[in-house]
Amino acid sequence: METALEGLLREQVVAGETTRPARLLEAMRYAALSGGKRLRPVLLMETAALFGRADEGVCQAGAALEFIHCYSLVHDDLPAMDDDDLRRGRPTTHKAFDEATAILAGDALLTLAFDVITDEMVHPEAATRLKLGRELSRAAGVGGMAGGQMLDIESENRDRTETEIRTLQAMKTGALLRYACRAGAILADANDIEIQRMTRFGEIIGLAFQLADDLLDVEASSDVTGKATGKDADAGKATLVALLGA
């Protein structure tokens, strides 16, 4: 995965591009090549392998998903959003560069993801590539991650039910994890029942991941997480931990 991300963020232009501005590319590389668990692409690749496919095209699809995730972190960290100074144990992108560069780096990573997911090596069938791109758009967009972020902001310092919290978390965090497992099955031409099973698995993983993240915010230090902790309570975030207790 690291090799794939590195290759896609190279200095050389590809067909249709004019030039890749050095500062923008540097910020994109800073945001995407700064470590991290790579959980989403790993889930995608392992799901595809479960159904018999493991090749460079699957890795390419995983890289597209990771670019979406990395863009979201850059934008989440901005002063207008979560206003974080630390990510993965080092300064956030807007602190290492500046806000305008960070915004553009996030925009460029988001856009690059759809360039990557529609590459012919991802799947020989154009219809399957279209399906993967469309589902990625929906997982990341108004009815998925971005919409979940909006619900999260609207829920600050307000009472929310468990159902409401589960809904916003299923969108904000769960949508990309759900996509990872679903896309892996689609890439390997799994049947409809198998795809639905992996979709449900991805939904459960998404909930578990968010629960773990919320618990770490309460119980862990920034040395362990690589980012500021204790911020959910300070911001009045609607989490299951806040509602039900650790």
C-alpha atoms as a PDB file:
ATOM      1  CA  MET A   1       0.000   0.000   0.000  1.00  0.00           C
ATOM      2  CA  GLU A   2       2.803   2.405   0.850  1.00  0.00           C
ATOM      3  CA  THR A   3       4.412   1.705  -2.525  1.00  0.00           C
ATOM      4  CA  ALA A   4       1.124   2.300  -4.333  1.00  0.00           C
ATOM      5  CA  LEU A   5       0.461   5.599  -2.542  1.00  0.00           C
ATOM      6  CA  GLU A   6       4.033   6.743  -3.150  1.00  0.00           C
ATOM      7  CA  GLY A   7       3.775   5.947  -6.850  1.00  0.00           C
ATOM      8  CA  LEU A   8       0.493   7.795  -7.289  1.00  0.00           C
ATOM      9  CA  LEU A   9       1.916  10.894  -5.588  1.00  0.00           C
ATOM     10  CA  ARG A  10       5.008  11.132  -7.769  1.00  0.00           C
ATOM     11  CA  GLU A  11       6.235  14.362  -9.350  1.00  0.00           C
ATOM     12  CA  GLN A  12       5.740  13.166 -12.923  1.00  0.00           C
ATOM     13  CA  VAL A  13       2.528  14.380 -14.552  1.00  0.00           C
ATOM     14  CA  VAL A  14       0.090  11.969 -16.148  1.00  0.00           C
ATOM     15  CA  ALA A  15      -1.942  12.388 -19.336  1.00  0.00           C
ATOM     16  CA  GLY A  16      -4.201  15.429 -19.149  1.00  0.00           C
ATOM     17  CA  GLU A  17      -2.221  17.214 -16.430  1.00  0.00           C
ATOM     18  CA  THR A  18      -0.149  20.341 -17.036  1.00  0.00           C
ATOM     19  CA  THR A  19       2.120  20.378 -13.996  1.00  0.00           C
ATOM     20  CA  ARG A  20       2.046  19.259 -10.368  1.00  0.00           C
ATOM     21  CA  PRO A  21       2.866  22.298  -8.172  1.00  0.00           C
ATOM     22  CA  ALA A  22       5.655  21.309  -5.812  1.00  0.00           C
ATOM     23  CA  ARG A  23       4.149  22.785  -2.639  1.00  0.00           C
ATOM     24  CA  LEU A  24       0.730  21.231  -3.214  1.00  0.00           C
ATOM     25  CA  LEU A  25       2.260  17.839  -3.979  1.00  0.00           C
ATOM     26  CA  GLU A  26       4.468  18.107  -0.890  1.00  0.00           C
ATOM     27  CA  ALA A  27       1.423  18.778   1.286  1.00  0.00           C
ATOM     28  CA  MET A  28      -0.473  15.863  -0.281  1.00  0.00           C
ATOM     29  CA  ARG A  29       2.462  13.563   0.371  1.00  0.00           C
ATOM     30  CA  TYR A  30       2.751  14.882   3.927  1.00  0.00           C
ATOM     31  CA  ALA A  31      -0.902  14.076   4.560  1.00  0.00           C
ATOM     32  CA  ALA A  32      -1.001  10.678   2.847  1.00  0.00           C
ATOM     33  CA  LEU A  33       2.461   9.247   3.533  1.00  0.00           C
ATOM     34  CA  SER A  34       2.634  10.035   7.242  1.00  0.00           C
ATOM     35  CA  GLY A  35       2.001   6.506   8.469  1.00  0.00           C
ATOM     36  CA  GLY A  36      -1.335   5.478   9.919  1.00  0.00           C
ATOM     37  CA  LYS A  37      -2.958   2.078  10.252  1.00  0.00           C
ATOM     38  CA  ARG A  38      -4.098   1.781   6.605  1.00  0.00           C
ATOM     39  CA  LEU A  39      -7.079  -0.089   8.038  1.00  0.00           C
ATOM     40  CA  ARG A  40      -9.462   0.765   5.201  1.00  0.00           C
ATOM     41  CA  PRO A  41      -7.276  -0.397   2.304  1.00  0.00           C
ATOM     42  CA  VAL A  42      -6.211  -3.468   4.284  1.00  0.00           C
ATOM     43  CA  LEU A  43      -9.862  -4.420   4.794  1.00  0.00           C
ATOM     44  CA  LEU A  44     -10.502  -3.908   1.080  1.00  0.00           C
ATOM     45  CA  MET A  45      -7.511  -5.979  -0.004  1.00  0.00           C
ATOM     46  CA  GLU A  46      -8.105  -8.782   2.516  1.00  0.00           C
ATOM     47  CA  THR A  47     -11.770  -9.008   1.526  1.00  0.00           C
ATOM     48  CA  ALA A  48     -10.804  -9.286  -2.143  1.00  0.00           C
ATOM     49  CA  ALA A  49      -8.230 -11.941  -1.232  1.00  0.00           C
ATOM     50  CA  LEU A  50     -10.913 -13.862   0.686  1.00  0.00           C
ATOM     51  CA  PHE A  51     -12.770 -14.237  -2.616  1.00  0.00           C
ATOM     52  CA  GLY A  52      -9.684 -15.079  -4.626  1.00  0.00           C
ATOM     53  CA  ARG A  53      -8.274 -11.815  -5.970  1.00  0.00           C
ATOM     54  CA  ALA A  54      -4.964 -10.254  -4.935  1.00  0.00           C
ATOM     55  CA  ASP A  55      -3.176  -8.089  -7.492  1.00  0.00           C
ATOM     56  CA  GLU A  56      -2.035  -4.567  -8.283  1.00  0.00           C
ATOM     57  CA  GLY A  57      -5.520  -3.485  -9.320  1.00  0.00           C
ATOM     58  CA  VAL A  58      -6.913  -4.312  -5.886  1.00  0.00           C
ATOM     59  CA  CYS A  59      -4.088  -2.337  -4.314  1.00  0.00           C
ATOM     60  CA  GLN A  60      -4.961   0.573  -6.599  1.00  0.00           C
ATOM     61  CA  ALA A  61      -8.546   0.505  -5.353  1.00  0.00           C
ATOM     62  CA  GLY A  62      -7.272   0.447  -1.779  1.00  0.00           C
ATOM     63  CA  ALA A  63      -5.121   3.498  -2.480  1.00  0.00           C
ATOM     64  CA  ALA A  64      -8.159   5.396  -3.781  1.00  0.00           C
ATOM     65  CA  LEU A  65     -10.004   4.656  -0.545  1.00  0.00           C
ATOM     66  CA  GLU A  66      -7.015   5.729   1.544  1.00  0.00           C
ATOM     67  CA  PHE A  67      -6.801   9.037  -0.351  1.00  0.00           C
ATOM     68  CA  ILE A  68     -10.420   9.724   0.637  1.00  0.00           C
ATOM     69  CA  HIS A  69      -9.610   8.944   4.255  1.00  0.00           C
ATOM     70  CA  CYS A  70      -6.474  11.122   4.255  1.00  0.00           C
ATOM     71  CA  TYR A  71      -8.318  14.060   2.679  1.00  0.00           C
ATOM     72  CA  SER A  72     -10.970  13.823   5.391  1.00  0.00           C
ATOM     73  CA  LEU A  73      -8.336  13.962   8.132  1.00  0.00           C
ATOM     74  CA  VAL A  74      -6.724  17.067   6.618  1.00  0.00           C
ATOM     75  CA  HIS A  75     -10.068  18.871   6.504  1.00  0.00           C
ATOM     76  CA  ASP A  76     -11.214  17.577   9.910  1.00  0.00           C
ATOM     77  CA  ASP A  77      -8.097  19.030  11.535  1.00  0.00           C
ATOM     78  CA  LEU A  78      -8.689  22.558  10.168  1.00  0.00           C
ATOM     79  CA  PRO A  79      -9.477  25.387  12.624  1.00  0.00           C
ATOM     80  CA  ALA A  80     -13.028  25.641  11.283  1.00  0.00           C
ATOM     81  CA  MET A  81     -13.614  21.961  12.057  1.00  0.00           C
ATOM     82  CA  ASP A  82     -11.910  20.105  14.948  1.00  0.00           C
ATOM     83  CA  ASP A  83      -9.001  22.577  15.178  1.00  0.00           C
ATOM     84  CA  ASP A  84      -6.316  19.974  15.881  1.00  0.00           C
ATOM     85  CA  ASP A  85      -2.586  20.619  15.983  1.00  0.00           C
ATOM     86  CA  LEU A  86      -1.440  16.977  16.120  1.00  0.00           C
ATOM     87  CA  ARG A  87      -2.086  14.024  13.811  1.00  0.00           C
ATOM     88  CA  ARG A  88      -0.198  10.719  13.759  1.00  0.00           C
ATOM     89  CA  GLY A  89       2.299  12.130  16.228  1.00  0.00           C
ATOM     90  CA  ARG A  90       3.292  15.199  14.227  1.00  0.00           C
ATOM     91  CA  PRO A  91       1.867  18.618  13.246  1.00  0.00           C
ATOM     92  CA  THR A  92      -1.334  18.538  11.230  1.00  0.00           C
ATOM     93  CA  THR A  93      -1.115  19.550   7.584  1.00  0.00           C
ATOM     94  CA  HIS A  94      -2.359  23.102   8.096  1.00  0.00           C
ATOM     95  CA  LYS A  95       0.202  23.562  10.872  1.00  0.00           C
ATOM     96  CA  ALA A  96       3.053  22.140   8.794  1.00  0.00           C
ATOM     97  CA  PHE A  97       2.075  24.265   5.771  1.00  0.00           C
ATOM     98  CA  ASP A  98      -0.844  26.728   6.010  1.00  0.00           C
ATOM     99  CA  GLU A  99      -4.632  26.577   5.904  1.00  0.00           C
ATOM    100  CA  ALA A 100      -5.016  27.367   2.203  1.00  0.00           C
ATOM    101  CA  THR A 101      -2.462  24.722   1.211  1.00  0.00           C
ATOM    102  CA  ALA A 102      -4.109  22.172   3.509  1.00  0.00           C
ATOM    103  CA  ILE A 103      -7.533  22.818   1.993  1.00  0.00           C
ATOM    104  CA  LEU A 104      -6.162  22.412  -1.525  1.00  0.00           C
ATOM    105  CA  ALA A 105      -4.232  19.275  -0.533  1.00  0.00           C
ATOM    106  CA  GLY A 106      -7.450  17.765   0.791  1.00  0.00           C
ATOM    107  CA  ASP A 107      -9.328  18.766  -2.356  1.00  0.00           C
ATOM    108  CA  ALA A 108      -6.631  17.251  -4.544  1.00  0.00           C
ATOM    109  CA  LEU A 109      -6.510  13.953  -2.598  1.00  0.00           C
ATOM    110  CA  LEU A 110     -10.301  13.645  -2.806  1.00  0.00           C
ATOM    111  CA  THR A 111     -10.262  14.262  -6.546  1.00  0.00           C
ATOM    112  CA  LEU A 112      -7.301  11.961  -7.159  1.00  0.00           C
ATOM    113  CA  ALA A 113      -9.203   9.106  -5.504  1.00  0.00           C
ATOM    114  CA  PHE A 114     -11.726   9.020  -8.357  1.00  0.00           C
ATOM    115  CA  ASP A 115      -8.975   9.158 -10.957  1.00  0.00           C
ATOM    116  CA  VAL A 116      -7.425   6.112  -9.294  1.00  0.00           C
ATOM    117  CA  ILE A 117     -10.596   4.046  -8.727  1.00  0.00           C
ATOM    118  CA  THR A 118     -11.587   4.338 -12.403  1.00  0.00           C
ATOM    119  CA  ASP A 119      -8.208   3.137 -13.733  1.00  0.00           C
ATOM    120  CA  GLU A 120      -8.551   0.113 -16.024  1.00  0.00           C
ATOM    121  CA  MET A 121      -6.247  -1.993 -13.856  1.00  0.00           C
ATOM    122  CA  VAL A 122      -8.798  -1.861 -11.013  1.00  0.00           C
ATOM    123  CA  HIS A 123     -11.256  -4.110 -12.880  1.00  0.00           C
ATOM    124  CA  PRO A 124     -11.539  -5.123 -16.546  1.00  0.00           C
ATOM    125  CA  GLU A 125     -15.259  -4.324 -16.670  1.00  0.00           C
ATOM    126  CA  ALA A 126     -16.111  -0.625 -17.035  1.00  0.00           C
ATOM    127  CA  ALA A 127     -19.487  -1.210 -15.367  1.00  0.00           C
ATOM    128  CA  THR A 128     -17.767  -2.562 -12.258  1.00  0.00           C
ATOM    129  CA  ARG A 129     -15.399   0.403 -12.132  1.00  0.00           C
ATOM    130  CA  LEU A 130     -18.387   2.730 -12.435  1.00  0.00           C
ATOM    131  CA  LYS A 131     -20.123   0.887  -9.588  1.00  0.00           C
ATOM    132  CA  LEU A 132     -17.020   1.156  -7.393  1.00  0.00           C
ATOM    133  CA  GLY A 133     -16.661   4.867  -8.130  1.00  0.00           C
ATOM    134  CA  ARG A 134     -20.325   5.606  -7.549  1.00  0.00           C
ATOM    135  CA  GLU A 135     -20.404   3.706  -4.252  1.00  0.00           C
ATOM    136  CA  LEU A 136     -17.213   5.437  -3.106  1.00  0.00           C
ATOM    137  CA  SER A 137     -18.797   8.803  -3.897  1.00  0.00           C
ATOM    138  CA  ARG A 138     -21.867   7.934  -1.866  1.00  0.00           C
ATOM    139  CA  ALA A 139     -19.826   6.581   1.050  1.00  0.00           C
ATOM    140  CA  ALA A 140     -17.788   9.800   1.177  1.00  0.00           C
ATOM    141  CA  GLY A 141     -20.494  12.332   0.355  1.00  0.00           C
ATOM    142  CA  VAL A 142     -23.671  13.949   1.621  1.00  0.00           C
ATOM    143  CA  GLY A 143     -25.293  10.655   2.622  1.00  0.00           C
ATOM    144  CA  GLY A 144     -22.074   9.208   4.001  1.00  0.00           C
ATOM    145  CA  MET A 145     -18.952  10.603   5.628  1.00  0.00           C
ATOM    146  CA  ALA A 146     -19.494  14.308   4.884  1.00  0.00           C
ATOM    147  CA  GLY A 147     -23.120  14.090   5.967  1.00  0.00           C
ATOM    148  CA  GLY A 148     -22.068  12.312   9.132  1.00  0.00           C
ATOM    149  CA  GLN A 149     -19.608  15.099   9.886  1.00  0.00           C
ATOM    150  CA  MET A 150     -22.438  17.600   9.547  1.00  0.00           C
ATOM    151  CA  LEU A 151     -24.625  15.621  11.953  1.00  0.00           C
ATOM    152  CA  ASP A 152     -21.676  15.418  14.339  1.00  0.00           C
ATOM    153  CA  ILE A 153     -21.256  19.199  14.319  1.00  0.00           C
ATOM    154  CA  GLU A 154     -24.991  19.752  14.791  1.00  0.00           C
ATOM    155  CA  SER A 155     -24.998  17.351  17.745  1.00  0.00           C
ATOM    156  CA  GLU A 156     -22.373  19.172  19.797  1.00  0.00           C
ATOM    157  CA  ASN A 157     -23.672  20.097  23.261  1.00  0.00           C
ATOM    158  CA  ARG A 158     -27.087  18.658  22.458  1.00  0.00           C
ATOM    159  CA  ASP A 159     -28.875  15.572  23.747  1.00  0.00           C
ATOM    160  CA  ARG A 160     -28.967  12.753  21.234  1.00  0.00           C
ATOM    161  CA  THR A 161     -30.512   9.291  21.472  1.00  0.00           C
ATOM    162  CA  GLU A 162     -28.510   6.117  20.977  1.00  0.00           C
ATOM    163  CA  THR A 163     -30.179   5.646  17.588  1.00  0.00           C
ATOM    164  CA  GLU A 164     -29.202   9.162  16.502  1.00  0.00           C
ATOM    165  CA  ILE A 165     -25.615   8.658  17.637  1.00  0.00           C
ATOM    166  CA  ARG A 166     -25.378   5.309  15.862  1.00  0.00           C
ATOM    167  CA  THR A 167     -26.702   6.919  12.676  1.00  0.00           C
ATOM    168  CA  LEU A 168     -24.197   9.772  12.637  1.00  0.00           C
ATOM    169  CA  GLN A 169     -21.325   7.406  13.467  1.00  0.00           C
ATOM    170  CA  ALA A 170     -22.398   4.921  10.795  1.00  0.00           C
ATOM    171  CA  MET A 171     -22.074   7.777   8.322  1.00  0.00           C
ATOM    172  CA  LYS A 172     -19.087   9.706   9.673  1.00  0.00           C
ATOM    173  CA  THR A 173     -16.826   6.719  10.360  1.00  0.00           C
ATOM    174  CA  GLY A 174     -18.679   3.602   9.308  1.00  0.00           C
ATOM    175  CA  ALA A 175     -19.411   4.464   5.682  1.00  0.00           C
ATOM    176  CA  LEU A 176     -15.812   4.120   4.459  1.00  0.00           C
ATOM    177  CA  LEU A 177     -15.210   0.940   6.493  1.00  0.00           C
ATOM    178  CA  ARG A 178     -18.422  -0.537   5.117  1.00  0.00           C
ATOM    179  CA  TYR A 179     -17.298   0.419   1.614  1.00  0.00           C
ATOM    180  CA  ALA A 180     -13.891  -1.215   2.150  1.00  0.00           C
ATOM    181  CA  CYS A 181     -15.418  -4.632   2.820  1.00  0.00           C
ATOM    182  CA  ARG A 182     -18.108  -4.284   0.187  1.00  0.00           C
ATOM    183  CA  ALA A 183     -15.711  -3.042  -2.517  1.00  0.00           C
ATOM    184  CA  GLY A 184     -13.270  -5.877  -1.858  1.00  0.00           C
ATOM    185  CA  ALA A 185     -16.017  -8.395  -2.571  1.00  0.00           C
ATOM    186  CA  ILE A 186     -17.145  -6.517  -5.688  1.00  0.00           C
ATOM    187  CA  LEU A 187     -13.570  -6.355  -7.002  1.00  0.00           C
ATOM    188  CA  ALA A 188     -13.299 -10.135  -6.719  1.00  0.00           C
ATOM    189  CA  ASP A 189     -16.635 -10.726  -8.471  1.00  0.00           C
ATOM    190  CA  ALA A 190     -18.251 -12.244  -5.381  1.00  0.00           C
ATOM    191  CA  ASN A 191     -21.926 -13.134  -5.649  1.00  0.00           C
ATOM    192  CA  ASP A 192     -24.731 -10.973  -4.261  1.00  0.00           C
ATOM    193  CA  ILE A 193     -25.114 -12.952  -1.030  1.00  0.00           C
ATOM    194  CA  GLU A 194     -21.377 -12.794  -0.354  1.00  0.00           C
ATOM    195  CA  ILE A 195     -21.346  -9.040  -1.042  1.00  0.00           C
ATOM    196  CA  GLN A 196     -24.225  -8.515   1.387  1.00  0.00           C
ATOM    197  CA  ARG A 197     -22.455 -10.546   4.072  1.00  0.00           C
ATOM    198  CA  MET A 198     -19.293  -8.488   3.704  1.00  0.00           C
ATOM    199  CA  THR A 199     -21.373  -5.306   3.725  1.00  0.00           C
ATOM    200  CA  ARG A 200     -22.829  -6.293   7.108  1.00  0.00           C
ATOM    201  CA  PHE A 201     -19.383  -7.234   8.379  1.00  0.00           C
ATOM    202  CA  GLY A 202     -18.143  -3.770   7.357  1.00  0.00           C
ATOM    203  CA  GLU A 203     -21.012  -2.108   9.219  1.00  0.00           C
ATOM    204  CA  ILE A 204     -20.126  -3.959  12.421  1.00  0.00           C
ATOM    205  CA  ILE A 205     -16.426  -3.154  12.038  1.00  0.00           C
ATOM    206  CA  GLY A 206     -17.353   0.512  11.579  1.00  0.00           C
ATOM    207  CA  LEU A 207     -19.315   0.598  14.834  1.00  0.00           C
ATOM    208  CA  ALA A 208     -16.576  -1.219  16.731  1.00  0.00           C
ATOM    209  CA  PHE A 209     -13.896   1.092  15.346  1.00  0.00           C
ATOM    210  CA  GLN A 210     -15.799   4.214  16.407  1.00  0.00           C
ATOM    211  CA  LEU A 211     -16.429   2.778  19.873  1.00  0.00           C
ATOM    212  CA  ALA A 212     -12.719   2.039  20.255  1.00  0.00           C
ATOM    213  CA  ASP A 213     -11.789   5.523  19.059  1.00  0.00           C
ATOM    214  CA  ASP A 214     -14.225   7.172  21.477  1.00  0.00           C
ATOM    215  CA  LEU A 215     -12.899   5.073  24.376  1.00  0.00           C
ATOM    216  CA  LEU A 216      -9.317   6.008  23.496  1.00  0.00           C
ATOM    217  CA  ASP A 217     -10.279   9.682  23.572  1.00  0.00           C
ATOM    218  CA  VAL A 218     -11.387   9.193  27.175  1.00  0.00           C
ATOM    219  CA  GLU A 219      -8.839   6.704  28.456  1.00  0.00           C
ATOM    220  CA  ALA A 220      -5.624   7.053  26.413  1.00  0.00           C
ATOM    221  CA  SER A 221      -2.915   9.720  26.191  1.00  0.00           C
ATOM    222  CA  SER A 222      -1.829  11.627  23.102  1.00  0.00           C
ATOM    223  CA  ASP A 223       1.450   9.676  23.225  1.00  0.00           C
ATOM    224  CA  VAL A 224      -0.534   6.500  22.558  1.00  0.00           C
ATOM    225  CA  THR A 225      -2.985   7.862  19.980  1.00  0.00           C
ATOM    226  CA  GLY A 226      -0.720  10.330  18.162  1.00  0.00           C
ATOM    227  CA  LYS A 227      -3.416  13.001  18.410  1.00  0.00           C
ATOM    228  CA  ALA A 228      -5.018  15.154  21.086  1.00  0.00           C
ATOM    229  CA  THR A 229      -7.282  13.297  23.520  1.00  0.00           C
ATOM    230  CA  GLY A 230     -10.107  14.414  25.787  1.00  0.00           C
ATOM    231  CA  LYS A 231     -11.478  16.629  23.033  1.00  0.00           C
ATOM    232  CA  ASP A 232     -14.838  14.884  22.645  1.00  0.00           C
ATOM    233  CA  ALA A 233     -15.978  15.868  26.127  1.00  0.00           C
ATOM    234  CA  ASP A 234     -14.556  19.377  25.781  1.00  0.00           C
ATOM    235  CA  ALA A 235     -16.467  19.875  22.517  1.00  0.00           C
ATOM    236  CA  GLY A 236     -19.652  18.286  23.815  1.00  0.00           C
ATOM    237  CA  LYS A 237     -19.552  15.582  21.157  1.00  0.00           C
ATOM    238  CA  ALA A 238     -22.428  13.109  20.929  1.00  0.00           C
ATOM    239  CA  THR A 239     -20.834   9.693  21.462  1.00  0.00           C
ATOM    240  CA  LEU A 240     -22.015   6.407  22.915  1.00  0.00           C
ATOM    241  CA  VAL A 241     -19.326   6.750  25.563  1.00  0.00           C
ATOM    242  CA  ALA A 242     -20.764  10.115  26.618  1.00  0.00           C
ATOM    243  CA  LEU A 243     -24.297   8.689  26.622  1.00  0.00           C
ATOM    244  CA  LEU A 244     -23.703   5.297  28.253  1.00  0.00           C
ATOM    245  CA  GLY A 245     -20.370   5.750  30.060  1.00  0.00           C
ATOM    246  CA  ALA A 246     -17.068   4.031  29.365  1.00  0.00           C
END
